[in-house]
N, C-alpha and C. Protein backbone atom coordinates (compact mmCIF):
# COMPACT_ATOMS: atom_id res chain seq x y z
N MET A 1 -12.67 -27.43 8.08
CA MET A 1 -12.71 -25.98 8.23
C MET A 1 -11.42 -25.37 7.65
N MET A 2 -11.60 -24.32 6.86
CA MET A 2 -10.45 -23.69 6.23
C MET A 2 -9.72 -22.77 7.22
N GLU A 3 -8.42 -22.87 7.25
CA GLU A 3 -7.64 -22.01 8.13
C GLU A 3 -7.42 -20.66 7.45
N LEU A 4 -7.67 -19.61 8.21
CA LEU A 4 -7.44 -18.27 7.65
C LEU A 4 -5.96 -17.94 7.74
N ARG A 5 -5.40 -17.54 6.64
CA ARG A 5 -4.00 -17.13 6.68
C ARG A 5 -3.94 -15.62 6.92
N SER A 6 -2.83 -15.21 7.46
CA SER A 6 -2.64 -13.78 7.72
C SER A 6 -2.51 -13.03 6.40
N ARG A 7 -3.16 -11.89 6.30
CA ARG A 7 -3.05 -11.05 5.11
C ARG A 7 -1.70 -10.34 5.15
N LYS A 8 -1.02 -10.31 4.01
CA LYS A 8 0.29 -9.66 3.93
C LYS A 8 0.12 -8.28 3.31
N ILE A 9 0.58 -7.27 4.05
CA ILE A 9 0.48 -5.88 3.60
C ILE A 9 1.88 -5.29 3.51
N LEU A 10 2.17 -4.63 2.40
CA LEU A 10 3.42 -3.89 2.26
C LEU A 10 3.11 -2.42 2.46
N VAL A 11 3.75 -1.81 3.47
CA VAL A 11 3.56 -0.39 3.78
C VAL A 11 4.80 0.36 3.29
N VAL A 12 4.57 1.37 2.44
CA VAL A 12 5.69 2.11 1.84
C VAL A 12 5.51 3.61 2.07
N ASP A 13 6.43 4.21 2.80
CA ASP A 13 6.41 5.65 3.04
C ASP A 13 7.82 6.06 3.43
N ASP A 14 8.27 7.23 2.99
CA ASP A 14 9.61 7.68 3.36
C ASP A 14 9.65 8.26 4.77
N GLU A 15 8.50 8.38 5.43
CA GLU A 15 8.46 8.86 6.82
C GLU A 15 8.34 7.65 7.75
N PRO A 16 9.44 7.30 8.45
CA PRO A 16 9.44 6.12 9.32
C PRO A 16 8.31 6.13 10.36
N ASP A 17 7.97 7.30 10.89
CA ASP A 17 6.89 7.37 11.89
C ASP A 17 5.58 6.84 11.33
N ILE A 18 5.27 7.21 10.11
CA ILE A 18 4.02 6.75 9.48
C ILE A 18 4.07 5.24 9.27
N VAL A 19 5.19 4.73 8.80
CA VAL A 19 5.35 3.29 8.60
C VAL A 19 5.15 2.56 9.92
N GLU A 20 5.76 3.07 11.00
CA GLU A 20 5.66 2.40 12.30
C GLU A 20 4.24 2.45 12.87
N ILE A 21 3.56 3.58 12.74
CA ILE A 21 2.18 3.69 13.24
C ILE A 21 1.28 2.72 12.49
N LEU A 22 1.40 2.69 11.17
CA LEU A 22 0.58 1.77 10.38
C LEU A 22 0.92 0.32 10.69
N THR A 23 2.20 0.01 10.82
CA THR A 23 2.62 -1.35 11.14
C THR A 23 2.02 -1.80 12.47
N TYR A 24 2.14 -0.96 13.48
CA TYR A 24 1.60 -1.28 14.81
C TYR A 24 0.11 -1.58 14.73
N ASN A 25 -0.64 -0.71 14.07
CA ASN A 25 -2.09 -0.87 13.99
C ASN A 25 -2.51 -2.06 13.13
N LEU A 26 -1.79 -2.33 12.07
CA LEU A 26 -2.12 -3.48 11.22
C LEU A 26 -1.76 -4.80 11.91
N GLU A 27 -0.62 -4.83 12.59
CA GLU A 27 -0.22 -6.05 13.30
C GLU A 27 -1.18 -6.38 14.43
N LYS A 28 -1.75 -5.35 15.07
CA LYS A 28 -2.76 -5.57 16.11
C LYS A 28 -3.96 -6.31 15.55
N GLU A 29 -4.21 -6.14 14.25
CA GLU A 29 -5.35 -6.79 13.58
C GLU A 29 -4.91 -8.06 12.84
N ASN A 30 -3.74 -8.57 13.22
CA ASN A 30 -3.22 -9.84 12.68
C ASN A 30 -2.81 -9.80 11.21
N PHE A 31 -2.48 -8.63 10.70
CA PHE A 31 -1.88 -8.55 9.37
C PHE A 31 -0.38 -8.80 9.51
N THR A 32 0.21 -9.41 8.50
CA THR A 32 1.66 -9.51 8.43
C THR A 32 2.11 -8.30 7.63
N VAL A 33 3.03 -7.51 8.19
CA VAL A 33 3.41 -6.25 7.56
C VAL A 33 4.87 -6.29 7.12
N PHE A 34 5.09 -5.87 5.89
CA PHE A 34 6.43 -5.66 5.35
C PHE A 34 6.59 -4.16 5.17
N LYS A 35 7.80 -3.64 5.42
CA LYS A 35 8.03 -2.20 5.37
C LYS A 35 9.02 -1.83 4.28
N ALA A 36 8.77 -0.68 3.66
CA ALA A 36 9.71 -0.13 2.69
C ALA A 36 9.65 1.39 2.83
N TYR A 37 10.76 2.05 2.52
CA TYR A 37 10.86 3.50 2.74
C TYR A 37 11.14 4.29 1.47
N SER A 38 11.04 3.62 0.32
CA SER A 38 11.25 4.30 -0.96
C SER A 38 10.57 3.49 -2.06
N GLY A 39 10.43 4.10 -3.22
CA GLY A 39 9.86 3.39 -4.35
C GLY A 39 10.68 2.18 -4.75
N GLU A 40 12.00 2.35 -4.71
CA GLU A 40 12.90 1.24 -5.06
C GLU A 40 12.73 0.08 -4.09
N GLU A 41 12.69 0.39 -2.78
CA GLU A 41 12.50 -0.66 -1.77
C GLU A 41 11.13 -1.32 -1.93
N CYS A 42 10.15 -0.55 -2.35
CA CYS A 42 8.81 -1.08 -2.58
C CYS A 42 8.86 -2.20 -3.61
N ILE A 43 9.53 -1.97 -4.72
CA ILE A 43 9.62 -2.96 -5.79
C ILE A 43 10.30 -4.23 -5.27
N THR A 44 11.44 -4.06 -4.61
CA THR A 44 12.20 -5.20 -4.08
C THR A 44 11.38 -6.00 -3.08
N SER A 45 10.76 -5.30 -2.13
CA SER A 45 9.97 -5.98 -1.10
C SER A 45 8.75 -6.68 -1.69
N ALA A 46 8.11 -6.05 -2.65
CA ALA A 46 6.94 -6.66 -3.29
C ALA A 46 7.34 -7.97 -3.98
N ILE A 47 8.46 -7.94 -4.69
CA ILE A 47 8.93 -9.15 -5.39
C ILE A 47 9.31 -10.24 -4.38
N ASP A 48 9.98 -9.84 -3.29
CA ASP A 48 10.42 -10.81 -2.28
C ASP A 48 9.26 -11.40 -1.47
N ASN A 49 8.22 -10.60 -1.20
CA ASN A 49 7.18 -11.00 -0.24
C ASN A 49 5.79 -11.23 -0.82
N ASN A 50 5.57 -10.85 -2.07
CA ASN A 50 4.28 -11.02 -2.74
C ASN A 50 3.08 -10.64 -1.84
N PRO A 51 2.97 -9.37 -1.45
CA PRO A 51 1.91 -8.96 -0.53
C PRO A 51 0.51 -9.05 -1.15
N ASP A 52 -0.50 -9.14 -0.28
CA ASP A 52 -1.90 -9.15 -0.71
C ASP A 52 -2.38 -7.74 -1.05
N MET A 53 -1.74 -6.74 -0.45
CA MET A 53 -2.09 -5.34 -0.70
C MET A 53 -0.85 -4.48 -0.45
N ILE A 54 -0.77 -3.37 -1.18
CA ILE A 54 0.34 -2.43 -0.99
C ILE A 54 -0.25 -1.07 -0.64
N ILE A 55 0.26 -0.48 0.45
CA ILE A 55 -0.11 0.88 0.84
C ILE A 55 1.08 1.75 0.49
N LEU A 56 0.86 2.74 -0.36
CA LEU A 56 1.98 3.43 -1.01
C LEU A 56 1.83 4.94 -0.94
N ASP A 57 2.87 5.60 -0.41
CA ASP A 57 2.93 7.06 -0.43
C ASP A 57 3.30 7.48 -1.86
N ILE A 58 2.98 8.71 -2.20
CA ILE A 58 3.32 9.19 -3.55
C ILE A 58 4.65 9.93 -3.56
N ARG A 59 4.77 10.93 -2.67
CA ARG A 59 5.96 11.78 -2.69
C ARG A 59 7.08 11.17 -1.86
N MET A 60 8.07 10.61 -2.55
CA MET A 60 9.23 10.04 -1.88
C MET A 60 10.46 10.38 -2.71
N PRO A 61 11.62 10.51 -2.05
CA PRO A 61 12.84 10.79 -2.82
C PRO A 61 13.17 9.62 -3.74
N GLY A 62 13.79 9.91 -4.86
CA GLY A 62 14.09 8.85 -5.83
C GLY A 62 12.83 8.49 -6.58
N MET A 63 12.56 7.21 -6.66
CA MET A 63 11.38 6.73 -7.37
C MET A 63 10.11 7.08 -6.57
N THR A 64 9.19 7.78 -7.21
CA THR A 64 7.93 8.16 -6.53
C THR A 64 7.01 6.95 -6.41
N GLY A 65 5.98 7.09 -5.60
CA GLY A 65 4.99 6.03 -5.47
C GLY A 65 4.29 5.74 -6.79
N ILE A 66 4.04 6.79 -7.56
CA ILE A 66 3.38 6.61 -8.85
C ILE A 66 4.27 5.79 -9.79
N GLU A 67 5.58 6.09 -9.80
CA GLU A 67 6.51 5.33 -10.64
C GLU A 67 6.60 3.88 -10.16
N ALA A 68 6.61 3.69 -8.84
CA ALA A 68 6.67 2.33 -8.29
C ALA A 68 5.42 1.54 -8.68
N CYS A 69 4.27 2.17 -8.58
CA CYS A 69 3.01 1.53 -8.96
C CYS A 69 3.03 1.12 -10.43
N ARG A 70 3.44 2.05 -11.26
CA ARG A 70 3.50 1.78 -12.71
C ARG A 70 4.44 0.59 -12.99
N THR A 71 5.58 0.56 -12.32
CA THR A 71 6.55 -0.52 -12.49
C THR A 71 5.96 -1.86 -12.03
N LEU A 72 5.30 -1.86 -10.87
CA LEU A 72 4.70 -3.09 -10.36
C LEU A 72 3.62 -3.63 -11.30
N ARG A 73 2.85 -2.74 -11.86
CA ARG A 73 1.75 -3.16 -12.75
C ARG A 73 2.26 -3.83 -14.03
N LEU A 74 3.53 -3.59 -14.39
CA LEU A 74 4.11 -4.24 -15.56
C LEU A 74 4.44 -5.71 -15.29
N ASN A 75 4.51 -6.08 -14.00
CA ASN A 75 4.82 -7.44 -13.59
C ASN A 75 3.51 -8.20 -13.42
N LYS A 76 3.36 -9.32 -14.12
CA LYS A 76 2.11 -10.09 -14.09
C LYS A 76 1.68 -10.46 -12.66
N THR A 77 2.65 -10.68 -11.78
CA THR A 77 2.35 -11.04 -10.40
C THR A 77 1.51 -9.97 -9.71
N PHE A 78 1.72 -8.71 -10.07
CA PHE A 78 1.08 -7.60 -9.36
C PHE A 78 0.00 -6.89 -10.16
N GLU A 79 -0.38 -7.45 -11.30
CA GLU A 79 -1.35 -6.73 -12.13
C GLU A 79 -2.71 -6.58 -11.45
N ASN A 80 -3.04 -7.46 -10.49
CA ASN A 80 -4.32 -7.35 -9.79
C ASN A 80 -4.18 -7.10 -8.29
N THR A 81 -2.96 -6.90 -7.81
CA THR A 81 -2.76 -6.62 -6.39
C THR A 81 -3.32 -5.24 -6.06
N PRO A 82 -4.19 -5.14 -5.04
CA PRO A 82 -4.70 -3.82 -4.68
C PRO A 82 -3.56 -2.90 -4.22
N ILE A 83 -3.50 -1.71 -4.80
CA ILE A 83 -2.51 -0.70 -4.41
C ILE A 83 -3.28 0.52 -3.94
N LEU A 84 -3.13 0.80 -2.65
CA LEU A 84 -3.83 1.92 -2.03
C LEU A 84 -2.84 3.06 -1.84
N PHE A 85 -3.08 4.17 -2.50
CA PHE A 85 -2.23 5.34 -2.31
C PHE A 85 -2.68 6.07 -1.05
N LEU A 86 -1.73 6.32 -0.15
CA LEU A 86 -1.98 7.07 1.07
C LEU A 86 -1.03 8.26 1.03
N THR A 87 -1.58 9.46 0.80
CA THR A 87 -0.70 10.60 0.52
C THR A 87 -1.30 11.91 1.00
N ALA A 88 -0.44 12.88 1.21
CA ALA A 88 -0.89 14.23 1.58
C ALA A 88 -1.32 15.01 0.34
N ASP A 89 -0.94 14.53 -0.84
CA ASP A 89 -1.30 15.21 -2.09
C ASP A 89 -2.72 14.85 -2.48
N SER A 90 -3.58 15.86 -2.54
CA SER A 90 -4.98 15.55 -2.86
C SER A 90 -5.49 16.31 -4.07
N ASP A 91 -4.57 16.96 -4.81
CA ASP A 91 -5.03 17.71 -5.97
C ASP A 91 -5.48 16.75 -7.08
N GLU A 92 -6.29 17.26 -7.97
CA GLU A 92 -6.90 16.43 -9.02
C GLU A 92 -5.84 15.78 -9.92
N TYR A 93 -4.79 16.53 -10.26
CA TYR A 93 -3.73 16.03 -11.13
C TYR A 93 -3.06 14.80 -10.52
N THR A 94 -2.70 14.91 -9.23
CA THR A 94 -2.05 13.79 -8.53
C THR A 94 -2.97 12.59 -8.46
N THR A 95 -4.23 12.84 -8.13
CA THR A 95 -5.20 11.76 -8.02
C THR A 95 -5.34 11.03 -9.36
N MET A 96 -5.47 11.78 -10.44
CA MET A 96 -5.61 11.17 -11.76
C MET A 96 -4.35 10.39 -12.15
N ASN A 97 -3.18 10.94 -11.84
CA ASN A 97 -1.92 10.25 -12.12
C ASN A 97 -1.84 8.92 -11.36
N ALA A 98 -2.29 8.94 -10.11
CA ALA A 98 -2.26 7.73 -9.28
C ALA A 98 -3.12 6.63 -9.90
N PHE A 99 -4.32 6.99 -10.34
CA PHE A 99 -5.20 6.00 -10.95
C PHE A 99 -4.68 5.57 -12.33
N ASP A 100 -4.13 6.52 -13.09
CA ASP A 100 -3.56 6.18 -14.40
C ASP A 100 -2.39 5.19 -14.27
N ALA A 101 -1.65 5.31 -13.16
CA ALA A 101 -0.51 4.42 -12.93
C ALA A 101 -0.95 3.02 -12.52
N GLY A 102 -2.22 2.89 -12.15
CA GLY A 102 -2.72 1.57 -11.76
C GLY A 102 -3.16 1.47 -10.32
N GLY A 103 -3.23 2.61 -9.63
CA GLY A 103 -3.68 2.59 -8.24
C GLY A 103 -5.13 2.13 -8.13
N SER A 104 -5.42 1.38 -7.09
CA SER A 104 -6.78 0.86 -6.87
C SER A 104 -7.62 1.82 -6.03
N HIS A 105 -6.95 2.48 -5.07
CA HIS A 105 -7.64 3.36 -4.13
C HIS A 105 -6.75 4.55 -3.81
N PHE A 106 -7.36 5.62 -3.32
CA PHE A 106 -6.63 6.85 -3.02
C PHE A 106 -7.19 7.43 -1.73
N ILE A 107 -6.36 7.53 -0.70
CA ILE A 107 -6.79 8.10 0.58
C ILE A 107 -5.80 9.19 0.96
N THR A 108 -6.33 10.32 1.44
CA THR A 108 -5.44 11.42 1.80
C THR A 108 -5.10 11.41 3.29
N LYS A 109 -3.85 11.80 3.58
CA LYS A 109 -3.39 12.01 4.95
C LYS A 109 -3.80 13.42 5.35
N PRO A 110 -3.99 13.69 6.60
CA PRO A 110 -3.93 12.72 7.69
C PRO A 110 -5.22 11.91 7.78
N ILE A 111 -5.08 10.70 8.27
CA ILE A 111 -6.24 9.84 8.54
C ILE A 111 -5.95 9.08 9.83
N LYS A 112 -6.95 8.90 10.65
CA LYS A 112 -6.75 8.15 11.90
C LYS A 112 -6.39 6.71 11.54
N PRO A 113 -5.35 6.17 12.18
CA PRO A 113 -4.95 4.80 11.88
C PRO A 113 -6.10 3.79 12.02
N SER A 114 -6.94 3.97 13.01
CA SER A 114 -8.05 3.02 13.21
C SER A 114 -9.01 3.03 12.03
N ILE A 115 -9.24 4.21 11.46
CA ILE A 115 -10.13 4.31 10.29
C ILE A 115 -9.46 3.66 9.08
N LEU A 116 -8.17 3.93 8.90
CA LEU A 116 -7.45 3.33 7.78
C LEU A 116 -7.45 1.81 7.89
N VAL A 117 -7.22 1.28 9.10
CA VAL A 117 -7.21 -0.17 9.29
C VAL A 117 -8.59 -0.76 8.95
N SER A 118 -9.65 -0.07 9.34
CA SER A 118 -11.00 -0.54 9.00
C SER A 118 -11.20 -0.60 7.49
N ILE A 119 -10.72 0.43 6.80
CA ILE A 119 -10.82 0.47 5.33
C ILE A 119 -10.02 -0.69 4.73
N ILE A 120 -8.81 -0.90 5.22
CA ILE A 120 -7.95 -1.97 4.71
C ILE A 120 -8.58 -3.34 4.95
N LYS A 121 -9.14 -3.54 6.14
CA LYS A 121 -9.80 -4.82 6.44
C LYS A 121 -10.95 -5.06 5.46
N GLU A 122 -11.72 -4.05 5.20
CA GLU A 122 -12.85 -4.18 4.28
C GLU A 122 -12.36 -4.46 2.85
N LEU A 123 -11.34 -3.73 2.43
CA LEU A 123 -10.81 -3.92 1.07
C LEU A 123 -10.19 -5.31 0.90
N THR A 124 -9.46 -5.78 1.91
CA THR A 124 -8.83 -7.10 1.77
C THR A 124 -9.89 -8.19 1.76
N LYS A 125 -10.97 -7.99 2.48
CA LYS A 125 -12.08 -8.95 2.45
C LYS A 125 -12.68 -9.04 1.05
N LYS A 126 -12.96 -7.87 0.48
CA LYS A 126 -13.61 -7.80 -0.83
C LYS A 126 -12.69 -8.24 -1.96
N GLU A 127 -11.46 -7.74 -1.94
CA GLU A 127 -10.60 -7.90 -3.10
C GLU A 127 -9.73 -9.14 -3.07
N ILE A 128 -9.49 -9.66 -1.88
CA ILE A 128 -8.56 -10.78 -1.79
C ILE A 128 -9.30 -12.08 -1.48
N GLY A 129 -10.28 -11.99 -0.61
CA GLY A 129 -10.79 -13.27 -0.23
C GLY A 129 -12.20 -13.32 0.07
């Protein structure tokens, strides 16, 4: 029988409360969670931890989520890693930029953590294993 390994998720948002709420809810579902609070930290943490999925805010000081996504996609390790944008920006321009940068999915805030966790569980099942 194959042992199921914990799915590794990198959560990136400049709002610590959002990172903590998502971390709490994902850990309850046996995900291993890595946290980052900026685009720059996202790149470093992704390289250090090689997550199965990245949840990424767009609007952050310094490097934006879109810039971080674009940078990660240049690295062969992350060319197929699912990147889910979770953002308050829902205009068409932002959405198109997110997908052009290499985003896999786009979800707007606010969203109930339980619903987001259900979406993540489904996506990790389909895309990772």
